[in-house]
C-alpha atoms as a PDB file:
ATOM      1  CA  LYS A   1       0.097  -0.052   0.076  1.00  0.00           C
ATOM      2  CA  ALA A   2       2.671   2.290   1.309  1.00  0.00           C
ATOM      3  CA  LEU A   3       4.719   1.217  -2.677  1.00  0.00           C
ATOM      4  CA  HIS A   4       1.576   2.368  -4.223  1.00  0.00           C
ATOM      5  CA  GLU A   5       1.368   5.933  -2.671  1.00  0.00           C
ATOM      6  CA  LEU A   6       5.104   6.681  -3.219  1.00  0.00           C
ATOM      7  CA  GLU A   7       4.235   5.563  -7.019  1.00  0.00           C
ATOM      8  CA  ALA A   8       1.243   8.361  -6.770  1.00  0.00           C
ATOM      9  CA  ASN A   9       3.504  11.207  -5.086  1.00  0.00           C
ATOM     10  CA  THR A  10       6.925  10.532  -6.419  1.00  0.00           C
ATOM     11  CA  PRO A  11       7.057  11.447  -9.899  1.00  0.00           C
ATOM     12  CA  ASP A  12      10.604  10.456 -10.249  1.00  0.00           C
ATOM     13  CA  LEU A  13       9.985   6.949  -8.969  1.00  0.00           C
ATOM     14  CA  LYS A  14       7.040   6.777 -10.957  1.00  0.00           C
ATOM     15  CA  ALA A  15       8.106   4.922 -13.635  1.00  0.00           C
ATOM     16  CA  ASP A  16      10.287   2.470 -11.897  1.00  0.00           C
ATOM     17  CA  LEU A  17       8.012   1.773  -9.153  1.00  0.00           C
ATOM     18  CA  ARG A  18       5.537   0.729 -12.076  1.00  0.00           C
ATOM     19  CA  GLU A  19       7.080  -2.557 -13.009  1.00  0.00           C
ATOM     20  CA  LEU A  20       8.385  -3.469  -9.230  1.00  0.00           C
ATOM     21  CA  TYR A  21       5.665  -5.325  -6.791  1.00  0.00           C
ATOM     22  CA  ILE A  22       6.063  -6.871  -3.606  1.00  0.00           C
ATOM     23  CA  VAL A  23       5.411 -10.735  -2.595  1.00  0.00           C
ATOM     24  CA  SER A  24       4.856  -9.970   1.244  1.00  0.00           C
ATOM     25  CA  ALA A  25       5.739  -7.711   4.108  1.00  0.00           C
ATOM     26  CA  LYS A  26       6.693  -8.567   7.494  1.00  0.00           C
ATOM     27  CA  GLU A  27       7.112  -6.282  10.744  1.00  0.00           C
ATOM     28  CA  VAL A  28       9.715  -7.387  12.859  1.00  0.00           C
ATOM     29  CA  ASP A  29      11.074  -6.754  16.329  1.00  0.00           C
ATOM     30  CA  VAL A  30      14.769  -6.605  16.607  1.00  0.00           C
ATOM     31  CA  ASN A  31      16.803  -5.032  19.904  1.00  0.00           C
ATOM     32  CA  ASN A  32      13.327  -3.264  20.656  1.00  0.00           C
ATOM     33  CA  LYS A  33      13.157  -1.466  17.444  1.00  0.00           C
ATOM     34  CA  GLN A  34      10.877  -2.321  14.440  1.00  0.00           C
ATOM     35  CA  ALA A  35      12.004  -3.342  11.304  1.00  0.00           C
ATOM     36  CA  ILE A  36       9.649  -3.838   8.255  1.00  0.00           C
ATOM     37  CA  ILE A  37      10.982  -6.348   5.766  1.00  0.00           C
ATOM     38  CA  VAL A  38       9.989  -6.151   2.236  1.00  0.00           C
ATOM     39  CA  PHE A  39      10.054  -9.440   0.079  1.00  0.00           C
ATOM     40  CA  VAL A  40      10.206  -8.847  -3.614  1.00  0.00           C
ATOM     41  CA  PRO A  41      10.376 -11.673  -6.306  1.00  0.00           C
ATOM     42  CA  PHE A  42      13.384 -13.136  -7.190  1.00  0.00           C
ATOM     43  CA  PRO A  43      13.889 -11.708 -10.910  1.00  0.00           C
ATOM     44  CA  LEU A  44      12.949  -8.428  -9.689  1.00  0.00           C
ATOM     45  CA  LEU A  45      15.692  -8.316  -7.263  1.00  0.00           C
ATOM     46  CA  LYS A  46      18.321  -6.545  -9.716  1.00  0.00           C
ATOM     47  CA  LYS A  47      15.506  -3.759 -10.829  1.00  0.00           C
ATOM     48  CA  THR A  48      14.827  -3.253  -6.955  1.00  0.00           C
ATOM     49  CA  HIS A  49      18.564  -2.764  -6.215  1.00  0.00           C
ATOM     50  CA  LYS A  50      19.064  -0.052  -8.611  1.00  0.00           C
ATOM     51  CA  ILE A  51      16.613   2.119  -6.969  1.00  0.00           C
ATOM     52  CA  GLN A  52      16.689   0.405  -3.385  1.00  0.00           C
ATOM     53  CA  SER A  53      18.001   3.408  -1.515  1.00  0.00           C
ATOM     54  CA  ARG A  54      15.558   5.986  -2.730  1.00  0.00           C
ATOM     55  CA  ILE A  55      12.766   3.474  -1.949  1.00  0.00           C
ATOM     56  CA  ILE A  56      14.056   2.587   1.634  1.00  0.00           C
ATOM     57  CA  ARG A  57      14.635   6.363   2.219  1.00  0.00           C
ATOM     58  CA  GLU A  58      10.887   7.419   1.340  1.00  0.00           C
ATOM     59  CA  LEU A  59       9.641   4.090   3.029  1.00  0.00           C
ATOM     60  CA  GLU A  60      11.675   4.858   6.077  1.00  0.00           C
ATOM     61  CA  LYS A  61      10.322   8.667   6.422  1.00  0.00           C
ATOM     62  CA  LYS A  62       6.584   7.376   5.916  1.00  0.00           C
ATOM     63  CA  PHE A  63       7.253   4.956   8.524  1.00  0.00           C
ATOM     64  CA  SER A  64       9.052   6.851  11.116  1.00  0.00           C
ATOM     65  CA  GLY A  65      11.215   4.988  13.971  1.00  0.00           C
ATOM     66  CA  LYS A  66      11.135   1.564  11.559  1.00  0.00           C
ATOM     67  CA  GLN A  67      13.905   0.197   9.377  1.00  0.00           C
ATOM     68  CA  VAL A  68      12.973  -1.353   5.955  1.00  0.00           C
ATOM     69  CA  VAL A  69      15.226  -4.151   4.884  1.00  0.00           C
ATOM     70  CA  ILE A  70      14.067  -5.604   1.033  1.00  0.00           C
ATOM     71  CA  ILE A  71      15.099  -9.101   0.420  1.00  0.00           C
ATOM     72  CA  GLY A  72      14.537 -11.511  -2.691  1.00  0.00           C
ATOM     73  CA  ASN A  73      12.021 -14.106  -1.894  1.00  0.00           C
ATOM     74  CA  ARG A  74      13.732 -17.339  -2.422  1.00  0.00           C
ATOM     75  CA  LYS A  75      12.851 -21.166  -1.984  1.00  0.00           C
ATOM     76  CA  ILE A  76      14.574 -23.682   0.011  1.00  0.00           C
ATOM     77  CA  VAL A  77      14.296 -27.509  -1.854  1.00  0.00           C
ATOM     78  CA  GLN A  78      14.576 -30.100   0.654  1.00  0.00           C
ATOM     79  CA  LYS A  79      17.316 -32.531   0.698  1.00  0.00           C
ATOM     80  CA  GLU A  80      16.629 -35.753  -1.051  1.00  0.00           C
ATOM     81  CA  SER A  81      16.506 -38.671   1.518  1.00  0.00           C
ATOM     82  CA  ARG A  82      15.004 -41.841   1.974  1.00  0.00           C
ATOM     83  CA  SER A  83      11.459 -40.555   2.543  1.00  0.00           C
ATOM     84  CA  ASN A  84      11.158 -37.928  -0.220  1.00  0.00           C
ATOM     85  CA  ARG A  85      12.765 -40.142  -3.161  1.00  0.00           C
ATOM     86  CA  LYS A  86      11.054 -38.691  -6.308  1.00  0.00           C
ATOM     87  CA  LYS A  87      11.879 -39.091  -9.683  1.00  0.00           C
ATOM     88  CA  ARG A  88      12.940 -35.368 -10.350  1.00  0.00           C
ATOM     89  CA  GLN A  89      16.044 -33.288 -11.387  1.00  0.00           C
ATOM     90  CA  SER A  90      18.974 -32.720  -8.586  1.00  0.00           C
ATOM     91  CA  ARG A  91      18.640 -29.864  -6.264  1.00  0.00           C
ATOM     92  CA  PRO A  92      20.467 -26.615  -7.616  1.00  0.00           C
ATOM     93  CA  ARG A  93      23.398 -25.269  -5.314  1.00  0.00           C
ATOM     94  CA  SER A  94      21.293 -21.846  -5.165  1.00  0.00           C
ATOM     95  CA  ARG A  95      18.507 -23.733  -3.445  1.00  0.00           C
ATOM     96  CA  THR A  96      20.148 -25.170  -0.938  1.00  0.00           C
ATOM     97  CA  LEU A  97      19.590 -24.084   2.892  1.00  0.00           C
ATOM     98  CA  THR A  98      23.271 -22.718   3.293  1.00  0.00           C
ATOM     99  CA  ALA A  99      23.012 -20.785  -0.162  1.00  0.00           C
ATOM    100  CA  VAL A 100      19.512 -19.230   0.572  1.00  0.00           C
ATOM    101  CA  HIS A 101      20.754 -18.121   4.070  1.00  0.00           C
ATOM    102  CA  GLU A 102      24.067 -16.658   2.445  1.00  0.00           C
ATOM    103  CA  ALA A 103      21.799 -14.572  -0.438  1.00  0.00           C
ATOM    104  CA  ILE A 104      19.655 -13.282   2.411  1.00  0.00           C
ATOM    105  CA  LEU A 105      22.563 -12.077   4.590  1.00  0.00           C
ATOM    106  CA  ASP A 106      23.902  -9.919   1.408  1.00  0.00           C
ATOM    107  CA  ASP A 107      20.212  -8.952   0.485  1.00  0.00           C
ATOM    108  CA  ILE A 108      20.000  -7.642   4.047  1.00  0.00           C
ATOM    109  CA  VAL A 109      23.222  -5.491   3.932  1.00  0.00           C
ATOM    110  CA  TYR A 110      22.769  -4.701   0.159  1.00  0.00           C
ATOM    111  CA  PRO A 111      24.782  -1.323  -0.722  1.00  0.00           C
ATOM    112  CA  THR A 112      27.989  -2.866   1.195  1.00  0.00           C
ATOM    113  CA  GLU A 113      29.687  -6.200   0.378  1.00  0.00           C
ATOM    114  CA  ILE A 114      30.649  -9.155   2.855  1.00  0.00           C
ATOM    115  CA  THR A 115      34.191  -9.460   2.549  1.00  0.00           C
ATOM    116  CA  GLY A 116      34.995 -11.814   5.509  1.00  0.00           C
ATOM    117  CA  LYS A 117      32.995 -14.403   7.793  1.00  0.00           C
ATOM    118  CA  ARG A 118      33.752 -15.675  11.062  1.00  0.00           C
ATOM    119  CA  THR A 119      32.963 -19.010  12.667  1.00  0.00           C
ATOM    120  CA  ARG A 120      32.690 -18.858  16.341  1.00  0.00           C
ATOM    121  CA  THR A 121      32.477 -22.093  18.474  1.00  0.00           C
ATOM    122  CA  ARG A 122      31.890 -22.774  21.964  1.00  0.00           C
ATOM    123  CA  LEU A 123      32.793 -25.740  24.207  1.00  0.00           C
ATOM    124  CA  ASP A 124      29.896 -27.071  26.752  1.00  0.00           C
END
């Protein structure tokens, strides 16, 4: 609804927002602050990235005090096991749990790039 209002009120974003649509939006509580997660279809994610900074700026003005994050809507395909052996193609790497979680992390920090990661372990 807010994207539709942005399209009507902001003439410079109007052409870009016309071809963009969202799958869903969720409001999440993060460290006692509210955040809005906007899910965009994965094929439209590249187009969204081009205007993401302007969209986020306008949406954060509209929902004051809330952070806005745009994420691509991806699908995780279950690993083949004894219980779900079906005659189908092999699972692509981009649909694995790890790959989808990595991609979501990249979407969350979009304008920047992740250069290094650390794995922390702790003994019980």
